[in-house]
């Protein structure tokens, strides 16, 4: 396991997925017996979580897509992913 969190690969935990609720027009993380509503910014991050790419790759992709400072995006992404790992919605692959 890497000491640098950006070198780690996030993945959705077993039975968890990101889904667009078309009725309510919002993004939702569906998990067994629970759900989390996520905003469009969080959804942009989570749509890039494939279980195959590192956080660094996701952060770099978002930096390019939104033409925003990498430091700001990295801070926000790392915080959000850590929270979702704590909630057992995401896990680390490596």
N, C-alpha and C. Protein backbone atom coordinates (compact mmCIF):
# COMPACT_ATOMS: atom_id res chain seq x y z
N UNK A 1 0.84 -1.17 0.00
CA UNK A 1 0.00 0.00 0.00
C UNK A 1 0.89 1.23 0.00
N UNK A 2 0.54 2.20 -0.82
CA UNK A 2 1.33 3.42 -0.96
C UNK A 2 1.07 4.37 0.19
N UNK A 3 2.12 5.08 0.62
CA UNK A 3 1.99 6.10 1.66
C UNK A 3 1.33 7.35 1.10
N UNK A 4 1.50 7.59 -0.18
CA UNK A 4 0.91 8.74 -0.84
C UNK A 4 -0.52 8.39 -1.26
N UNK A 5 -1.54 9.06 -0.68
CA UNK A 5 -2.91 8.71 -1.02
C UNK A 5 -3.22 8.89 -2.51
N UNK A 6 -2.51 9.80 -3.18
CA UNK A 6 -2.78 9.99 -4.61
C UNK A 6 -2.35 8.79 -5.44
N UNK A 7 -1.47 7.95 -4.91
CA UNK A 7 -1.04 6.76 -5.61
C UNK A 7 -1.97 5.58 -5.41
N UNK A 8 -2.98 5.76 -4.59
CA UNK A 8 -3.91 4.67 -4.30
C UNK A 8 -5.06 4.65 -5.30
N UNK A 9 -5.69 3.48 -5.43
CA UNK A 9 -6.78 3.29 -6.39
C UNK A 9 -8.09 3.09 -5.63
N UNK A 10 -9.01 4.06 -5.73
CA UNK A 10 -10.31 3.88 -5.08
C UNK A 10 -11.25 3.05 -5.95
N UNK A 11 -12.15 2.35 -5.29
CA UNK A 11 -13.17 1.56 -5.99
C UNK A 11 -14.42 1.58 -5.14
N UNK A 12 -15.55 1.37 -5.79
CA UNK A 12 -16.79 1.25 -5.03
C UNK A 12 -16.76 -0.07 -4.27
N UNK A 13 -17.24 -0.03 -3.04
CA UNK A 13 -17.33 -1.25 -2.24
C UNK A 13 -18.33 -2.20 -2.89
N UNK A 14 -18.25 -3.44 -2.52
CA UNK A 14 -19.15 -4.45 -3.07
C UNK A 14 -20.60 -4.05 -2.82
N UNK A 15 -21.41 -4.07 -3.86
CA UNK A 15 -22.83 -3.74 -3.75
C UNK A 15 -23.13 -2.25 -3.78
N UNK A 16 -22.11 -1.42 -3.99
CA UNK A 16 -22.28 0.03 -4.01
C UNK A 16 -22.09 0.54 -5.43
N UNK A 17 -22.94 1.50 -5.83
CA UNK A 17 -22.80 2.07 -7.17
C UNK A 17 -23.31 3.50 -7.20
N UNK A 18 -22.83 4.26 -8.15
CA UNK A 18 -23.31 5.62 -8.38
C UNK A 18 -24.43 5.53 -9.40
N UNK A 19 -25.52 6.22 -9.14
CA UNK A 19 -26.67 6.14 -10.02
C UNK A 19 -27.35 7.51 -10.10
N UNK A 20 -27.84 7.84 -11.26
CA UNK A 20 -28.59 9.07 -11.45
C UNK A 20 -30.07 8.77 -11.21
N UNK A 21 -30.66 9.43 -10.21
CA UNK A 21 -32.09 9.29 -9.94
C UNK A 21 -32.81 10.26 -10.87
N UNK A 22 -33.40 9.74 -11.89
CA UNK A 22 -34.03 10.58 -12.92
C UNK A 22 -35.30 11.26 -12.41
N UNK A 23 -35.99 10.66 -11.47
CA UNK A 23 -37.21 11.27 -10.93
C UNK A 23 -36.87 12.53 -10.13
N UNK A 24 -35.87 12.41 -9.27
CA UNK A 24 -35.47 13.54 -8.42
C UNK A 24 -34.39 14.41 -9.06
N UNK A 25 -33.87 13.95 -10.21
CA UNK A 25 -32.82 14.65 -10.93
C UNK A 25 -31.61 14.95 -10.04
N UNK A 26 -31.11 13.88 -9.39
CA UNK A 26 -29.93 14.01 -8.55
C UNK A 26 -29.13 12.71 -8.58
N UNK A 27 -27.85 12.84 -8.24
CA UNK A 27 -26.97 11.68 -8.17
C UNK A 27 -27.08 11.05 -6.79
N UNK A 28 -27.02 9.73 -6.76
CA UNK A 28 -27.14 8.98 -5.51
C UNK A 28 -26.14 7.83 -5.51
N UNK A 29 -25.48 7.65 -4.37
CA UNK A 29 -24.68 6.45 -4.16
C UNK A 29 -25.61 5.44 -3.53
N UNK A 30 -25.86 4.36 -4.23
CA UNK A 30 -26.72 3.29 -3.73
C UNK A 30 -25.85 2.25 -3.04
N UNK A 31 -26.18 1.96 -1.80
CA UNK A 31 -25.46 0.95 -1.04
C UNK A 31 -26.49 0.07 -0.35
N UNK A 32 -26.09 -1.14 0.05
CA UNK A 32 -27.05 -2.00 0.74
C UNK A 32 -27.65 -1.30 1.96
N UNK A 33 -28.95 -1.18 1.95
CA UNK A 33 -29.73 -0.62 3.06
C UNK A 33 -29.45 0.85 3.36
N UNK A 34 -28.83 1.56 2.43
CA UNK A 34 -28.59 2.99 2.63
C UNK A 34 -28.29 3.65 1.28
N UNK A 35 -28.41 4.96 1.28
CA UNK A 35 -28.11 5.74 0.08
C UNK A 35 -27.55 7.09 0.51
N UNK A 36 -26.69 7.65 -0.34
CA UNK A 36 -26.12 8.97 -0.10
C UNK A 36 -26.42 9.84 -1.31
N UNK A 37 -27.00 10.99 -1.10
CA UNK A 37 -27.20 11.94 -2.18
C UNK A 37 -25.90 12.70 -2.37
N UNK A 38 -25.46 12.82 -3.61
CA UNK A 38 -24.23 13.54 -3.90
C UNK A 38 -24.52 14.67 -4.88
N UNK A 39 -23.77 15.76 -4.74
CA UNK A 39 -23.95 16.88 -5.65
C UNK A 39 -23.23 16.60 -6.96
N UNK A 40 -23.40 17.50 -7.91
CA UNK A 40 -22.83 17.29 -9.24
C UNK A 40 -21.31 17.25 -9.23
N UNK A 41 -20.69 18.01 -8.33
CA UNK A 41 -19.23 18.01 -8.24
C UNK A 41 -18.73 16.66 -7.73
N UNK A 42 -19.36 16.15 -6.68
CA UNK A 42 -18.99 14.83 -6.17
C UNK A 42 -19.24 13.76 -7.24
N UNK A 43 -20.34 13.90 -7.97
CA UNK A 43 -20.64 12.93 -9.03
C UNK A 43 -19.55 12.96 -10.11
N UNK A 44 -19.02 14.15 -10.43
CA UNK A 44 -17.95 14.24 -11.43
C UNK A 44 -16.72 13.46 -10.98
N UNK A 45 -16.45 13.49 -9.68
CA UNK A 45 -15.33 12.71 -9.14
C UNK A 45 -15.67 11.22 -9.21
N UNK A 46 -16.83 10.86 -8.69
CA UNK A 46 -17.21 9.45 -8.58
C UNK A 46 -17.39 8.77 -9.93
N UNK A 47 -17.76 9.52 -10.95
CA UNK A 47 -17.88 8.93 -12.29
C UNK A 47 -16.53 8.48 -12.82
N UNK A 48 -15.47 8.99 -12.24
CA UNK A 48 -14.11 8.62 -12.66
C UNK A 48 -13.54 7.47 -11.84
N UNK A 49 -14.25 7.05 -10.82
CA UNK A 49 -13.81 5.93 -9.97
C UNK A 49 -14.17 4.63 -10.68
N UNK A 50 -13.15 3.94 -11.16
CA UNK A 50 -13.38 2.70 -11.90
C UNK A 50 -12.78 1.49 -11.20
N UNK A 51 -11.96 1.75 -10.18
CA UNK A 51 -11.24 0.65 -9.54
C UNK A 51 -9.96 0.32 -10.27
N UNK A 52 -9.64 1.09 -11.33
CA UNK A 52 -8.45 0.83 -12.13
C UNK A 52 -7.49 2.02 -12.20
N UNK A 53 -7.94 3.20 -11.77
CA UNK A 53 -7.09 4.40 -11.89
C UNK A 53 -6.81 5.00 -10.52
N UNK A 54 -5.65 5.62 -10.41
CA UNK A 54 -5.24 6.22 -9.14
C UNK A 54 -5.97 7.55 -8.91
N UNK A 55 -5.93 7.97 -7.66
CA UNK A 55 -6.48 9.29 -7.33
C UNK A 55 -5.73 10.38 -8.09
N UNK A 56 -4.42 10.21 -8.27
CA UNK A 56 -3.64 11.21 -9.01
C UNK A 56 -4.19 11.37 -10.42
N UNK A 57 -4.52 10.27 -11.07
CA UNK A 57 -5.09 10.32 -12.42
C UNK A 57 -6.44 11.03 -12.40
N UNK A 58 -7.28 10.71 -11.43
CA UNK A 58 -8.59 11.35 -11.31
C UNK A 58 -8.43 12.85 -11.08
N UNK A 59 -7.53 13.22 -10.19
CA UNK A 59 -7.29 14.63 -9.89
C UNK A 59 -6.77 15.36 -11.12
N UNK A 60 -5.83 14.76 -11.83
CA UNK A 60 -5.30 15.38 -13.04
C UNK A 60 -6.39 15.56 -14.10
N UNK A 61 -7.24 14.56 -14.25
CA UNK A 61 -8.33 14.64 -15.22
C UNK A 61 -9.30 15.76 -14.85
N UNK A 62 -9.63 15.88 -13.57
CA UNK A 62 -10.54 16.95 -13.13
C UNK A 62 -9.89 18.32 -13.29
N UNK A 63 -8.59 18.41 -13.03
CA UNK A 63 -7.87 19.68 -13.19
C UNK A 63 -7.96 20.15 -14.64
N UNK A 64 -7.79 19.24 -15.57
CA UNK A 64 -7.89 19.57 -16.99
C UNK A 64 -9.34 19.90 -17.37
N UNK A 65 -10.27 19.08 -16.94
CA UNK A 65 -11.68 19.27 -17.31
C UNK A 65 -12.25 20.59 -16.80
N UNK A 66 -11.83 20.99 -15.61
CA UNK A 66 -12.43 22.18 -15.00
C UNK A 66 -11.49 23.38 -14.97
N UNK A 67 -10.29 23.23 -15.53
CA UNK A 67 -9.32 24.31 -15.58
C UNK A 67 -9.21 25.01 -14.22
N UNK A 68 -9.00 24.21 -13.21
CA UNK A 68 -8.92 24.70 -11.83
C UNK A 68 -7.56 24.35 -11.24
N UNK A 69 -7.16 25.03 -10.16
CA UNK A 69 -5.87 24.72 -9.53
C UNK A 69 -5.83 23.29 -9.00
N UNK A 70 -4.77 22.58 -9.33
CA UNK A 70 -4.64 21.18 -8.92
C UNK A 70 -4.69 21.04 -7.40
N UNK A 71 -4.06 21.95 -6.68
CA UNK A 71 -4.02 21.86 -5.21
C UNK A 71 -5.43 21.89 -4.62
N UNK A 72 -6.29 22.74 -5.16
CA UNK A 72 -7.66 22.85 -4.68
C UNK A 72 -8.43 21.57 -4.95
N UNK A 73 -8.32 21.09 -6.18
CA UNK A 73 -9.03 19.86 -6.55
C UNK A 73 -8.51 18.69 -5.73
N UNK A 74 -7.20 18.58 -5.58
CA UNK A 74 -6.61 17.47 -4.82
C UNK A 74 -7.12 17.47 -3.39
N UNK A 75 -7.14 18.62 -2.77
CA UNK A 75 -7.61 18.71 -1.39
C UNK A 75 -9.06 18.26 -1.26
N UNK A 76 -9.90 18.74 -2.16
CA UNK A 76 -11.32 18.38 -2.12
C UNK A 76 -11.55 16.89 -2.41
N UNK A 77 -10.85 16.36 -3.41
CA UNK A 77 -11.01 14.96 -3.78
C UNK A 77 -10.52 14.04 -2.66
N UNK A 78 -9.36 14.34 -2.11
CA UNK A 78 -8.82 13.51 -1.03
C UNK A 78 -9.75 13.50 0.18
N UNK A 79 -10.30 14.65 0.51
CA UNK A 79 -11.22 14.74 1.65
C UNK A 79 -12.49 13.94 1.40
N UNK A 80 -13.06 14.10 0.20
CA UNK A 80 -14.30 13.39 -0.13
C UNK A 80 -14.10 11.88 -0.16
N UNK A 81 -13.02 11.44 -0.78
CA UNK A 81 -12.76 10.00 -0.88
C UNK A 81 -12.51 9.41 0.52
N UNK A 82 -11.76 10.11 1.35
CA UNK A 82 -11.52 9.62 2.71
C UNK A 82 -12.84 9.47 3.48
N UNK A 83 -13.74 10.43 3.31
CA UNK A 83 -15.04 10.36 3.96
C UNK A 83 -15.84 9.16 3.47
N UNK A 84 -15.83 8.93 2.17
CA UNK A 84 -16.58 7.80 1.62
C UNK A 84 -15.95 6.45 1.97
N UNK A 85 -14.64 6.42 2.16
CA UNK A 85 -13.99 5.20 2.65
C UNK A 85 -14.43 4.96 4.10
N UNK A 86 -14.46 6.01 4.91
CA UNK A 86 -14.92 5.88 6.29
C UNK A 86 -16.36 5.38 6.36
N UNK A 87 -17.18 5.79 5.39
CA UNK A 87 -18.59 5.37 5.35
C UNK A 87 -18.77 4.02 4.66
N UNK A 88 -17.66 3.43 4.21
CA UNK A 88 -17.62 2.13 3.57
C UNK A 88 -18.35 2.09 2.23
N UNK A 89 -18.42 3.26 1.57
CA UNK A 89 -18.97 3.32 0.23
C UNK A 89 -17.87 3.07 -0.80
N UNK A 90 -16.64 3.49 -0.46
CA UNK A 90 -15.48 3.26 -1.30
C UNK A 90 -14.46 2.43 -0.53
N UNK A 91 -13.64 1.70 -1.25
CA UNK A 91 -12.54 0.93 -0.66
C UNK A 91 -11.29 1.23 -1.48
N UNK A 92 -10.14 0.87 -0.91
CA UNK A 92 -8.87 1.02 -1.62
C UNK A 92 -8.50 -0.28 -2.29
N UNK A 93 -8.16 -0.21 -3.57
CA UNK A 93 -7.70 -1.38 -4.31
C UNK A 93 -6.21 -1.60 -4.08
N UNK A 94 -5.47 -0.51 -4.00
CA UNK A 94 -4.02 -0.64 -3.78
C UNK A 94 -3.50 0.61 -3.13
